[in-house]
Amino acid sequence: MDIAGKTVVIAGLGVSGTSLVEVLRERGVKVIGVDERKPGADLASFDDVDWEGVDYVMTSPVFNPRTPFILEAQRRGIPVMSEVEFAWRLRVPNARTGEPAGWIGITGTNGKTTTTEMVSGMLTACGLDAPCAGNIASGNMAMSLSRCATNPAHDALCVELSSFQLHFTDSLRLDCAAITNIADDHLDWHGGIENYAADKSKVFHGVTKALVYNAQDERVTMLARRARTAPGCRRIGFTLAEPWPGQIGVKNGWIVDMSGVAGGEPGEATRLVRVKGLPHLTEPDGTVYPHLLADALTALALALGYGADPKDCVAALEAFTPGGHRIATVATATVDGGTIRFVDDSKATNAHAARASLSSFPRKSVVWICGGLAKGSRFERLVADQAHTIKAAVVIGRDPQPMLDAFAASAPGIPLTVIDAEEHGAALDGATVMDRAVEAAASQAGPGDVVLMAPACASMDQFASYADRGARFADAAGRWAAAHGAR
């Protein structure tokens, strides 16, 4: 990308925007940063942008495609791009090979972060410099994509890609790509499920080595079949069931490859690892977390499709620990001779993720903390599907009505407690909200039960992020446990 001397408007100075400002200025680009909330921005309003002479716009995922400044730029014929698009165009050769680092891209409604971390761990175990980047750039182990793409030390990049980023990304041609699943999420931003799925499907365009898809998700399977890939690209389906030829799945308690990606003949079963040998993918009693197992299958297909050694990949998977706020036990307490566990799954920000989390636990054993920013989603089907698991529910959020409607329609007999967001003047006080939610939930739990915080909603109505929400839950659970017989 010949960008020296060009003028670029950076819309939003978050992690990705701020990083791209630095990368572009190092390359002689005139950058105009616009952010009404950042005092150091060049402009505080898009009304002040002088569009004459602007060559490109980088937009943050904060702004949906109908935002006035985006429409104005497009009306003027100015390309509007994501940081991902800029990073792809600005790639530099790897210092060792002389070729740009390979890109392994992961998108989907759920499982993106964990899968990305697993792939990074597998490639690192093979001796590659392969950091996480992209949509998880705010995490402790990840870096901004534009900075990673312009670092010649990296051999490969494991890139989490959101639908927001992909909407404004068009030239991406990945080495390996996966769609983990597609379910209702961010429909208000995209304007419907079809638009959302179309943006996700961009990861499959032109894939060169391995296209990985959820063979149990009809929509993802259809997108995989329709994708136009490079000649010789493998299509690898993953399934929690017994795999067919061309797939990786589970048979007789083993992860089994029948795609040939692990070195066997296509259609020939190659055992990789016992599921029970992966301790971080199971409950203490050995019950498998289905969503984490799906993430592991996706990661194996991607890493092996990239050319990684199967033994190194399995070793990395055996040692893998999920990141924060993903199905983590944060406190336990002994009550009436039994144990109550508090489990943080704050990353479950939509119904699909919450369903996977709830389904990991026994019948009527979960007191569920749910609710928040619904993003246009409905929860009737989720509640109906998991009513057999839910013993009671505690609803948080500034607008609890979508969740209350779901229980009224699908499971009216389940006891509900609503944490009034305005009570005690706590409309935006996440600490107060979570203390009350944990107290209410624990009062409904008995020996052997789980207080599960998997809200099925985004967090920004009452918390800074899902991580903030999870941390506050862990703190509140710890305080309750300490007061009631922590183990």
Protein backbone atom coordinates (compact mmCIF):
# COMPACT_ATOMS: atom_id res chain seq x y z
CA MET A 1 0.00 0.00 0.00
CA ASP A 2 1.65 3.22 -1.16
CA ILE A 3 0.40 5.54 1.53
CA ALA A 4 3.19 8.07 2.09
CA GLY A 5 1.89 11.62 1.70
CA LYS A 6 -1.76 10.55 1.97
CA THR A 7 -4.30 11.94 4.45
CA VAL A 8 -6.19 9.50 6.66
CA VAL A 9 -9.03 10.26 9.07
CA ILE A 10 -8.96 7.92 12.07
CA ALA A 11 -12.46 7.69 13.52
CA GLY A 12 -12.16 6.68 17.16
CA LEU A 13 -8.94 6.59 19.18
CA GLY A 14 -9.30 3.32 21.04
CA VAL A 15 -6.61 0.63 21.05
CA SER A 16 -6.72 -0.05 17.31
CA GLY A 17 -7.17 3.58 16.29
CA THR A 18 -4.34 4.87 18.45
CA SER A 19 -2.00 2.15 17.20
CA LEU A 20 -2.82 2.86 13.57
CA VAL A 21 -2.16 6.56 14.10
CA GLU A 22 1.38 5.69 15.20
CA VAL A 23 1.96 3.19 12.38
CA LEU A 24 0.74 5.61 9.71
CA ARG A 25 2.69 8.60 10.99
CA GLU A 26 5.85 6.48 10.95
CA ARG A 27 5.17 6.05 7.24
CA GLY A 28 4.81 9.74 6.44
CA VAL A 29 1.01 9.86 6.47
CA LYS A 30 -0.97 12.90 7.54
CA VAL A 31 -3.35 11.59 10.19
CA ILE A 32 -6.44 13.36 11.55
CA GLY A 33 -7.69 11.67 14.71
CA VAL A 34 -11.35 12.31 15.55
CA ASP A 35 -12.75 11.35 18.95
CA GLU A 36 -15.17 13.40 21.01
CA ARG A 37 -14.09 11.66 24.22
CA LYS A 38 -10.30 11.91 23.87
CA PRO A 39 -8.82 15.33 24.77
CA GLY A 40 -5.71 14.61 22.69
CA ALA A 41 -7.65 14.04 19.46
CA ASP A 42 -7.03 16.38 16.54
CA LEU A 43 -10.78 16.96 16.22
CA ALA A 44 -13.64 16.39 18.65
CA SER A 45 -16.40 16.28 16.05
CA PHE A 46 -16.85 14.87 12.56
CA ASP A 47 -18.62 18.10 11.68
CA ASP A 48 -15.19 19.74 11.76
CA VAL A 49 -13.59 17.41 9.19
CA ASP A 50 -12.50 19.12 5.99
CA TRP A 51 -13.22 16.31 3.55
CA GLU A 52 -11.31 17.93 0.72
CA GLY A 53 -8.00 16.12 0.41
CA VAL A 54 -8.94 13.16 2.64
CA ASP A 55 -7.77 9.92 0.99
CA TYR A 56 -8.94 7.24 3.43
CA VAL A 57 -11.06 6.81 6.57
CA MET A 58 -10.41 4.19 9.23
CA THR A 59 -13.51 3.62 11.30
CA SER A 60 -13.83 2.08 14.75
CA PRO A 61 -16.40 -0.69 15.34
CA VAL A 62 -18.20 1.82 17.57
CA PHE A 63 -19.71 3.38 14.43
CA ASN A 64 -22.30 1.41 12.48
CA PRO A 65 -22.47 1.66 8.67
CA ARG A 66 -25.33 4.18 8.84
CA THR A 67 -23.33 6.77 10.82
CA PRO A 68 -23.47 10.17 9.03
CA PHE A 69 -19.71 10.69 8.64
CA ILE A 70 -19.35 7.22 7.06
CA LEU A 71 -22.15 7.95 4.61
CA GLU A 72 -20.58 11.33 3.79
CA ALA A 73 -17.17 9.77 3.10
CA GLN A 74 -18.74 7.12 0.89
CA ARG A 75 -20.78 9.77 -0.95
CA ARG A 76 -17.51 11.51 -1.77
CA GLY A 77 -15.89 8.27 -2.96
CA ILE A 78 -13.44 8.11 -0.03
CA PRO A 79 -12.63 4.49 0.93
CA VAL A 80 -13.82 3.60 4.45
CA MET A 81 -11.76 0.76 5.93
CA SER A 82 -11.24 -1.12 9.19
CA GLU A 83 -7.92 -1.39 10.99
CA VAL A 84 -7.85 -4.97 9.70
CA GLU A 85 -7.91 -3.74 6.09
CA PHE A 86 -5.13 -1.23 6.76
CA ALA A 87 -3.04 -3.86 8.58
CA TRP A 88 -3.43 -6.33 5.70
CA ARG A 89 -2.35 -3.74 3.15
CA LEU A 90 0.59 -2.55 5.28
CA ARG A 91 2.13 -6.01 5.92
CA VAL A 92 5.93 -6.26 5.85
CA PRO A 93 8.13 -9.27 5.05
CA ASN A 94 9.14 -11.60 7.84
CA ALA A 95 12.84 -11.15 8.69
CA ARG A 96 13.53 -14.89 8.44
CA THR A 97 11.53 -15.95 5.37
CA GLY A 98 11.29 -12.74 3.37
CA GLU A 99 7.53 -13.27 3.04
CA PRO A 100 4.77 -11.59 5.05
CA ALA A 101 3.68 -13.49 8.16
CA GLY A 102 0.87 -15.97 7.64
CA TRP A 103 -2.55 -14.95 8.92
CA ILE A 104 -4.92 -17.38 10.64
CA GLY A 105 -8.29 -15.66 11.09
CA ILE A 106 -11.10 -16.68 13.43
CA THR A 107 -14.59 -15.24 13.53
CA GLY A 108 -18.02 -16.37 14.74
CA THR A 109 -20.64 -15.41 17.27
CA ASN A 110 -18.86 -17.28 20.08
CA GLY A 111 -15.56 -18.98 20.76
CA LYS A 112 -13.37 -16.54 18.84
CA THR A 113 -11.09 -15.51 21.68
CA THR A 114 -10.50 -18.96 23.14
CA THR A 115 -9.89 -20.47 19.69
CA THR A 116 -7.47 -17.68 18.78
CA GLU A 117 -5.53 -18.22 22.01
CA MET A 118 -5.43 -21.98 21.42
CA VAL A 119 -4.08 -21.57 17.88
CA SER A 120 -1.42 -19.15 19.11
CA GLY A 121 -0.38 -21.64 21.78
CA MET A 122 -0.15 -24.47 19.25
CA LEU A 123 1.95 -22.53 16.76
CA THR A 124 4.17 -21.21 19.55
CA ALA A 125 4.73 -24.81 20.69
CA CYS A 126 5.94 -25.51 17.15
CA GLY A 127 8.61 -22.83 17.51
CA LEU A 128 6.87 -20.02 15.65
CA ASP A 129 6.52 -16.40 16.76
CA ALA A 130 2.72 -16.33 16.48
CA PRO A 131 0.98 -13.76 18.71
CA CYS A 132 -2.73 -13.13 19.11
CA ALA A 133 -3.99 -9.92 17.55
CA GLY A 134 -7.11 -8.23 16.23
CA ASN A 135 -10.36 -8.04 18.16
CA ILE A 136 -8.64 -9.16 21.38
CA ALA A 137 -6.03 -6.39 21.19
CA SER A 138 -7.10 -5.04 24.58
CA GLY A 139 -6.19 -8.33 26.27
CA ASN A 140 -2.97 -8.81 28.19
CA MET A 141 -1.58 -11.37 25.74
CA ALA A 142 -2.55 -9.60 22.52
CA MET A 143 -1.24 -6.66 20.50
CA SER A 144 -2.87 -4.35 17.99
CA LEU A 145 -3.12 -5.85 14.52
CA SER A 146 -1.57 -2.93 12.65
CA ARG A 147 1.49 -3.05 14.91
CA CYS A 148 1.78 -6.83 14.56
CA ALA A 149 1.41 -6.72 10.77
CA THR A 150 4.30 -4.27 10.50
CA ASN A 151 6.64 -6.20 12.81
CA PRO A 152 9.09 -8.35 10.78
CA ALA A 153 9.77 -10.64 13.76
CA HIS A 154 6.41 -12.41 13.59
CA ASP A 155 6.13 -15.71 11.68
CA ALA A 156 2.34 -15.88 11.87
CA LEU A 157 -0.55 -13.87 13.30
CA CYS A 158 -3.52 -15.47 15.03
CA VAL A 159 -6.24 -12.92 14.38
CA GLU A 160 -9.62 -12.68 16.07
CA LEU A 161 -11.97 -10.90 13.66
CA SER A 162 -15.27 -9.32 14.64
CA SER A 163 -18.18 -8.81 12.29
CA PHE A 164 -17.76 -5.05 12.80
CA GLN A 165 -14.17 -5.20 11.54
CA LEU A 166 -15.04 -7.47 8.64
CA HIS A 167 -17.79 -5.18 7.39
CA PHE A 168 -15.18 -2.63 6.32
CA THR A 169 -12.61 -5.24 5.19
CA ASP A 170 -12.48 -6.42 1.57
CA SER A 171 -9.01 -7.45 0.39
CA LEU A 172 -8.22 -9.99 3.14
CA ARG A 173 -6.95 -13.36 1.84
CA LEU A 174 -6.11 -15.55 4.83
CA ASP A 175 -3.88 -18.62 5.01
CA CYS A 176 -6.41 -20.35 7.28
CA ALA A 177 -9.86 -19.16 8.31
CA ALA A 178 -12.65 -20.38 10.59
CA ILE A 179 -16.22 -19.47 11.40
CA THR A 180 -17.01 -21.02 14.77
CA ASN A 181 -20.80 -20.49 14.63
CA ILE A 182 -23.41 -17.91 13.67
CA ALA A 183 -26.32 -16.91 15.91
CA ASP A 184 -28.30 -13.74 16.55
CA ASP A 185 -25.95 -11.04 17.80
CA HIS A 186 -25.29 -7.38 17.03
CA LEU A 187 -28.35 -7.35 14.78
CA ASP A 188 -28.98 -3.69 15.63
CA TRP A 189 -25.53 -2.78 14.21
CA HIS A 190 -25.74 -4.91 11.08
CA GLY A 191 -29.42 -4.49 10.34
CA GLY A 192 -30.32 -8.18 10.41
CA ILE A 193 -28.95 -11.72 10.53
CA GLU A 194 -28.31 -11.96 6.78
CA ASN A 195 -26.09 -8.87 6.82
CA TYR A 196 -24.33 -10.19 9.91
CA ALA A 197 -23.64 -13.57 8.30
CA ALA A 198 -22.47 -11.93 5.06
CA ASP A 199 -19.87 -9.91 6.96
CA LYS A 200 -18.67 -13.01 8.85
CA SER A 201 -18.34 -14.93 5.58
CA LYS A 202 -15.65 -12.55 4.31
CA VAL A 203 -13.02 -14.58 6.19
CA PHE A 204 -13.56 -17.44 3.73
CA HIS A 205 -12.86 -15.41 0.57
CA GLY A 206 -9.65 -16.52 -1.10
CA VAL A 207 -8.38 -18.71 1.75
CA THR A 208 -5.21 -20.46 0.63
CA LYS A 209 -4.55 -23.40 3.00
CA ALA A 210 -7.48 -24.40 5.22
CA LEU A 211 -11.10 -23.30 5.48
CA VAL A 212 -12.53 -24.53 8.79
CA TYR A 213 -16.27 -24.54 9.44
CA ASN A 214 -18.81 -25.71 12.01
CA ALA A 215 -20.36 -28.75 10.36
CA GLN A 216 -23.22 -28.68 12.91
CA ASP A 217 -24.20 -25.10 12.04
CA GLU A 218 -26.34 -25.08 8.90
CA ARG A 219 -25.69 -21.46 8.03
CA VAL A 220 -21.91 -21.76 8.48
CA THR A 221 -21.86 -24.97 6.43
CA MET A 222 -23.70 -23.21 3.61
CA LEU A 223 -21.22 -20.32 3.67
CA ALA A 224 -18.32 -22.78 3.59
CA ARG A 225 -19.74 -24.56 0.56
CA ARG A 226 -20.28 -21.30 -1.30
CA ALA A 227 -16.86 -19.84 -0.47
CA ARG A 228 -14.43 -19.20 -3.30
CA THR A 229 -11.04 -20.32 -2.07
CA ALA A 230 -7.60 -20.58 -3.64
CA PRO A 231 -6.79 -23.78 -5.55
CA GLY A 232 -5.71 -26.57 -3.21
CA CYS A 233 -7.37 -25.12 -0.10
CA ARG A 234 -8.73 -27.78 2.27
CA ARG A 235 -12.28 -27.55 3.61
CA ILE A 236 -12.37 -29.04 7.13
CA GLY A 237 -15.59 -29.39 9.09
CA PHE A 238 -15.57 -29.78 12.86
CA THR A 239 -18.26 -31.53 14.87
CA LEU A 240 -18.90 -32.60 18.45
CA ALA A 241 -20.31 -35.83 17.00
CA GLU A 242 -18.50 -38.64 15.24
CA PRO A 243 -16.77 -37.12 12.21
CA TRP A 244 -17.40 -37.98 8.58
CA PRO A 245 -14.66 -37.94 5.95
CA GLY A 246 -13.37 -34.37 5.64
CA GLN A 247 -14.11 -33.60 9.29
CA ILE A 248 -12.53 -33.55 12.73
CA GLY A 249 -14.70 -34.63 15.66
CA VAL A 250 -15.15 -36.97 18.62
CA LYS A 251 -15.39 -40.78 18.58
CA ASN A 252 -15.32 -43.07 21.61
CA GLY A 253 -13.97 -40.29 23.83
CA TRP A 254 -11.15 -39.34 21.44
CA ILE A 255 -10.65 -36.32 19.23
CA VAL A 256 -10.39 -37.93 15.81
CA ASP A 257 -9.34 -36.47 12.46
CA MET A 258 -10.90 -37.81 9.27
CA SER A 259 -9.87 -34.93 7.02
CA GLY A 260 -6.26 -36.01 6.53
CA VAL A 261 -5.00 -32.77 8.07
CA ALA A 262 -3.26 -34.68 10.91
CA GLY A 263 -1.24 -36.76 8.44
CA GLY A 264 -3.54 -39.70 7.76
CA GLU A 265 -5.35 -40.47 4.55
CA PRO A 266 -8.58 -38.50 4.00
CA GLY A 267 -11.44 -40.57 5.37
CA GLU A 268 -9.09 -42.56 7.61
CA ALA A 269 -9.56 -42.04 11.36
CA THR A 270 -6.49 -40.60 13.14
CA ARG A 271 -6.72 -40.40 16.93
CA LEU A 272 -5.23 -37.22 18.38
CA VAL A 273 -6.03 -37.02 22.11
CA ARG A 274 -8.52 -38.29 24.70
CA VAL A 275 -11.07 -35.61 25.60
CA LYS A 276 -10.77 -36.56 29.28
CA GLY A 277 -7.05 -35.81 28.97
CA LEU A 278 -7.84 -32.10 28.52
CA PRO A 279 -8.54 -30.99 32.11
CA HIS A 280 -9.41 -27.37 31.34
CA LEU A 281 -12.21 -28.46 29.00
CA THR A 282 -14.18 -30.33 31.68
CA GLU A 283 -16.08 -29.83 34.91
CA PRO A 284 -14.52 -31.25 38.11
CA ASP A 285 -16.75 -34.33 37.72
CA GLY A 286 -15.48 -34.91 34.18
CA THR A 287 -18.45 -33.38 32.35
CA VAL A 288 -17.19 -31.85 29.11
CA TYR A 289 -17.80 -28.17 28.36
CA PRO A 290 -19.15 -28.51 24.81
CA HIS A 291 -18.26 -24.99 23.72
CA LEU A 292 -14.64 -25.33 24.87
CA LEU A 293 -14.37 -28.69 23.12
CA ALA A 294 -15.68 -27.05 19.93
CA ASP A 295 -13.03 -24.35 20.31
CA ALA A 296 -10.35 -27.02 20.65
CA LEU A 297 -11.51 -28.82 17.50
CA THR A 298 -11.52 -25.54 15.57
CA ALA A 299 -8.03 -24.65 16.77
CA LEU A 300 -6.63 -28.08 15.89
CA ALA A 301 -8.09 -27.90 12.39
CA LEU A 302 -6.60 -24.43 11.87
CA ALA A 303 -3.16 -25.16 13.28
CA LEU A 304 -2.82 -28.51 11.53
CA GLY A 305 -4.15 -26.97 8.34
CA TYR A 306 -1.43 -24.35 8.60
CA GLY A 307 1.16 -27.12 8.77
CA ALA A 308 1.82 -27.46 12.50
CA ASP A 309 3.06 -30.71 14.02
CA PRO A 310 0.19 -32.77 15.55
CA LYS A 311 2.18 -33.78 18.66
CA ASP A 312 3.11 -30.17 19.43
CA CYS A 313 -0.50 -29.08 18.93
CA VAL A 314 -1.83 -31.73 21.29
CA ALA A 315 0.79 -30.86 23.93
CA ALA A 316 -0.20 -27.20 23.73
CA LEU A 317 -3.88 -28.11 24.03
CA GLU A 318 -3.23 -30.29 27.09
CA ALA A 319 -1.49 -27.35 28.78
CA PHE A 320 -4.01 -24.71 27.68
CA THR A 321 -5.90 -22.67 30.27
CA PRO A 322 -8.89 -20.60 29.11
CA GLY A 323 -8.54 -16.84 29.49
CA GLY A 324 -10.34 -14.78 32.08
CA HIS A 325 -14.13 -14.77 32.42
CA ARG A 326 -14.63 -17.99 30.49
CA ILE A 327 -16.36 -20.67 32.62
CA ALA A 328 -14.03 -20.05 35.61
CA THR A 329 -14.82 -21.06 39.18
CA VAL A 330 -14.05 -17.92 41.19
CA ALA A 331 -15.30 -18.89 44.66
CA THR A 332 -16.72 -21.82 46.62
CA ALA A 333 -18.54 -21.99 49.94
CA THR A 334 -19.66 -24.83 52.20
CA VAL A 335 -23.34 -24.51 53.08
CA ASP A 336 -25.40 -27.15 54.92
CA GLY A 337 -22.67 -29.72 54.44
CA GLY A 338 -22.36 -29.18 50.67
CA THR A 339 -20.61 -26.85 48.27
CA ILE A 340 -21.93 -23.90 46.30
CA ARG A 341 -19.71 -22.86 43.38
CA PHE A 342 -19.62 -19.41 41.78
CA VAL A 343 -18.73 -19.58 38.09
CA ASP A 344 -17.77 -16.55 35.99
CA ASP A 345 -18.65 -16.77 32.29
CA SER A 346 -18.98 -13.05 31.66
CA LYS A 347 -17.77 -13.61 28.09
CA ALA A 348 -21.17 -15.19 27.38
CA THR A 349 -22.51 -11.96 25.92
CA ASN A 350 -25.27 -13.47 23.76
CA ALA A 351 -27.86 -16.24 23.90
CA HIS A 352 -25.78 -18.74 21.96
CA ALA A 353 -22.86 -18.48 24.39
CA ALA A 354 -25.13 -18.57 27.44
CA ARG A 355 -26.83 -21.72 26.11
CA ALA A 356 -23.46 -23.45 25.78
CA SER A 357 -22.53 -22.43 29.30
CA LEU A 358 -25.83 -23.46 30.92
CA SER A 359 -25.82 -26.80 29.14
CA SER A 360 -22.60 -27.77 30.92
CA PHE A 361 -24.37 -28.27 34.27
CA PRO A 362 -26.79 -30.86 35.71
CA ARG A 363 -30.55 -30.56 35.87
CA LYS A 364 -31.91 -27.77 38.14
CA SER A 365 -28.44 -27.02 39.52
CA VAL A 366 -27.93 -23.45 38.25
CA VAL A 367 -28.93 -20.14 39.76
CA TRP A 368 -28.42 -17.97 36.73
CA ILE A 369 -27.36 -14.30 36.80
CA CYS A 370 -28.49 -12.91 33.47
CA GLY A 371 -29.39 -9.71 31.63
CA GLY A 372 -27.74 -6.51 30.50
CA LEU A 373 -27.61 -4.85 27.08
CA ALA A 374 -29.69 -7.10 24.80
CA LYS A 375 -28.50 -5.63 21.46
CA GLY A 376 -31.85 -6.38 19.85
CA SER A 377 -31.80 -10.09 20.76
CA ARG A 378 -34.62 -12.16 22.24
CA PHE A 379 -34.23 -14.94 24.81
CA GLU A 380 -37.43 -17.00 24.70
CA ARG A 381 -35.79 -19.95 22.94
CA LEU A 382 -32.77 -19.87 25.25
CA VAL A 383 -34.93 -19.97 28.38
CA ALA A 384 -37.13 -22.74 26.93
CA ASP A 385 -34.09 -24.84 26.00
CA GLN A 386 -32.42 -24.46 29.38
CA ALA A 387 -35.39 -24.37 31.75
CA HIS A 388 -34.45 -27.89 32.89
CA THR A 389 -31.05 -26.59 34.05
CA ILE A 390 -32.13 -23.31 35.67
CA LYS A 391 -33.24 -23.55 39.29
CA ALA A 392 -33.74 -19.79 39.72
CA ALA A 393 -32.63 -16.61 37.98
CA VAL A 394 -31.43 -13.16 38.98
CA VAL A 395 -31.91 -10.49 36.31
CA ILE A 396 -29.58 -7.50 36.11
CA GLY A 397 -29.38 -4.67 33.58
CA ARG A 398 -30.88 -1.25 33.06
CA ASP A 399 -33.56 -2.79 30.83
CA PRO A 400 -34.54 -6.20 32.27
CA GLN A 401 -37.71 -6.50 30.19
CA PRO A 402 -36.37 -8.70 27.34
CA MET A 403 -35.24 -11.31 29.87
CA LEU A 404 -38.43 -11.02 31.93
CA ASP A 405 -40.51 -11.47 28.79
CA ALA A 406 -38.55 -14.62 27.97
CA PHE A 407 -39.20 -16.21 31.35
CA ALA A 408 -42.87 -15.21 31.28
CA ALA A 409 -43.30 -16.86 27.89
CA SER A 410 -41.04 -19.91 28.25
CA ALA A 411 -40.63 -20.79 31.94
CA PRO A 412 -43.08 -18.88 34.16
CA GLY A 413 -42.52 -21.25 37.10
CA ILE A 414 -38.83 -20.43 37.59
CA PRO A 415 -38.29 -18.05 40.54
CA LEU A 416 -36.99 -14.64 39.45
CA THR A 417 -35.30 -11.79 41.28
CA VAL A 418 -34.83 -8.45 39.53
CA ILE A 419 -31.95 -6.24 40.67
CA ASP A 420 -33.37 -2.74 40.30
CA ALA A 421 -30.75 -0.71 38.48
CA GLU A 422 -31.93 2.55 40.02
CA GLU A 423 -32.05 1.29 43.59
CA HIS A 424 -29.64 3.11 45.92
CA GLY A 425 -28.77 5.44 43.04
CA ALA A 426 -26.78 2.61 41.46
CA ALA A 427 -27.77 2.98 37.80
CA LEU A 428 -24.16 2.76 36.67
CA ASP A 429 -22.59 1.33 39.82
CA GLY A 430 -21.57 -2.17 38.76
CA ALA A 431 -20.11 -3.01 42.15
CA THR A 432 -23.38 -2.35 43.95
CA VAL A 433 -25.41 -4.16 41.29
CA MET A 434 -23.21 -7.24 41.45
CA ASP A 435 -23.09 -7.40 45.25
CA ARG A 436 -26.89 -7.46 45.31
CA ALA A 437 -27.08 -9.94 42.45
CA VAL A 438 -24.69 -12.37 44.15
CA GLU A 439 -26.54 -12.07 47.47
CA ALA A 440 -29.86 -12.77 45.76
CA ALA A 441 -28.48 -15.68 43.75
CA ALA A 442 -26.68 -17.32 46.66
CA SER A 443 -29.86 -17.17 48.76
CA GLN A 444 -31.52 -19.41 46.14
CA ALA A 445 -28.62 -21.89 45.89
CA GLY A 446 -28.17 -25.04 47.90
CA PRO A 447 -25.51 -27.74 48.29
CA GLY A 448 -24.22 -28.88 44.91
CA ASP A 449 -25.61 -25.87 43.05
CA VAL A 450 -23.77 -23.37 40.85
CA VAL A 451 -24.26 -19.62 40.79
CA LEU A 452 -23.50 -18.96 37.13
CA MET A 453 -22.92 -15.48 35.76
CA ALA A 454 -23.36 -16.02 32.00
CA PRO A 455 -25.58 -13.03 31.21
CA ALA A 456 -26.41 -13.59 27.50
CA CYS A 457 -26.09 -9.81 27.10
CA ALA A 458 -23.43 -7.17 26.65
CA SER A 459 -22.15 -5.34 29.70
CA MET A 460 -21.88 -1.68 28.74
CA ASP A 461 -25.16 -0.58 30.31
CA GLN A 462 -23.74 -1.00 33.84
CA PHE A 463 -20.07 -1.98 33.48
CA ALA A 464 -17.02 -0.83 31.57
CA SER A 465 -16.67 -4.19 29.77
CA TYR A 466 -17.41 -7.89 30.13
CA ALA A 467 -14.06 -8.16 31.95
CA ASP A 468 -15.11 -5.48 34.44
CA ARG A 469 -18.43 -7.28 34.95
CA GLY A 470 -16.64 -10.59 35.52
CA ALA A 471 -14.14 -9.08 37.94
CA ARG A 472 -16.90 -7.48 39.97
CA PHE A 473 -18.77 -10.78 40.08
CA ALA A 474 -15.65 -12.59 41.28
CA ASP A 475 -15.07 -9.98 43.98
CA ALA A 476 -18.69 -10.13 45.17
CA ALA A 477 -18.68 -13.94 45.13
CA GLY A 478 -15.45 -14.00 47.11
CA ARG A 479 -16.91 -11.68 49.74
CA TRP A 480 -20.06 -13.79 50.04
CA ALA A 481 -18.08 -17.02 50.29
CA ALA A 482 -15.77 -15.56 52.94
CA ALA A 483 -18.80 -14.61 55.02
CA HIS A 484 -20.52 -17.99 54.58
CA GLY A 485 -17.84 -20.61 54.90
CA ALA A 486 -15.42 -20.34 52.02
CA ARG A 487 -13.46 -23.47 51.16
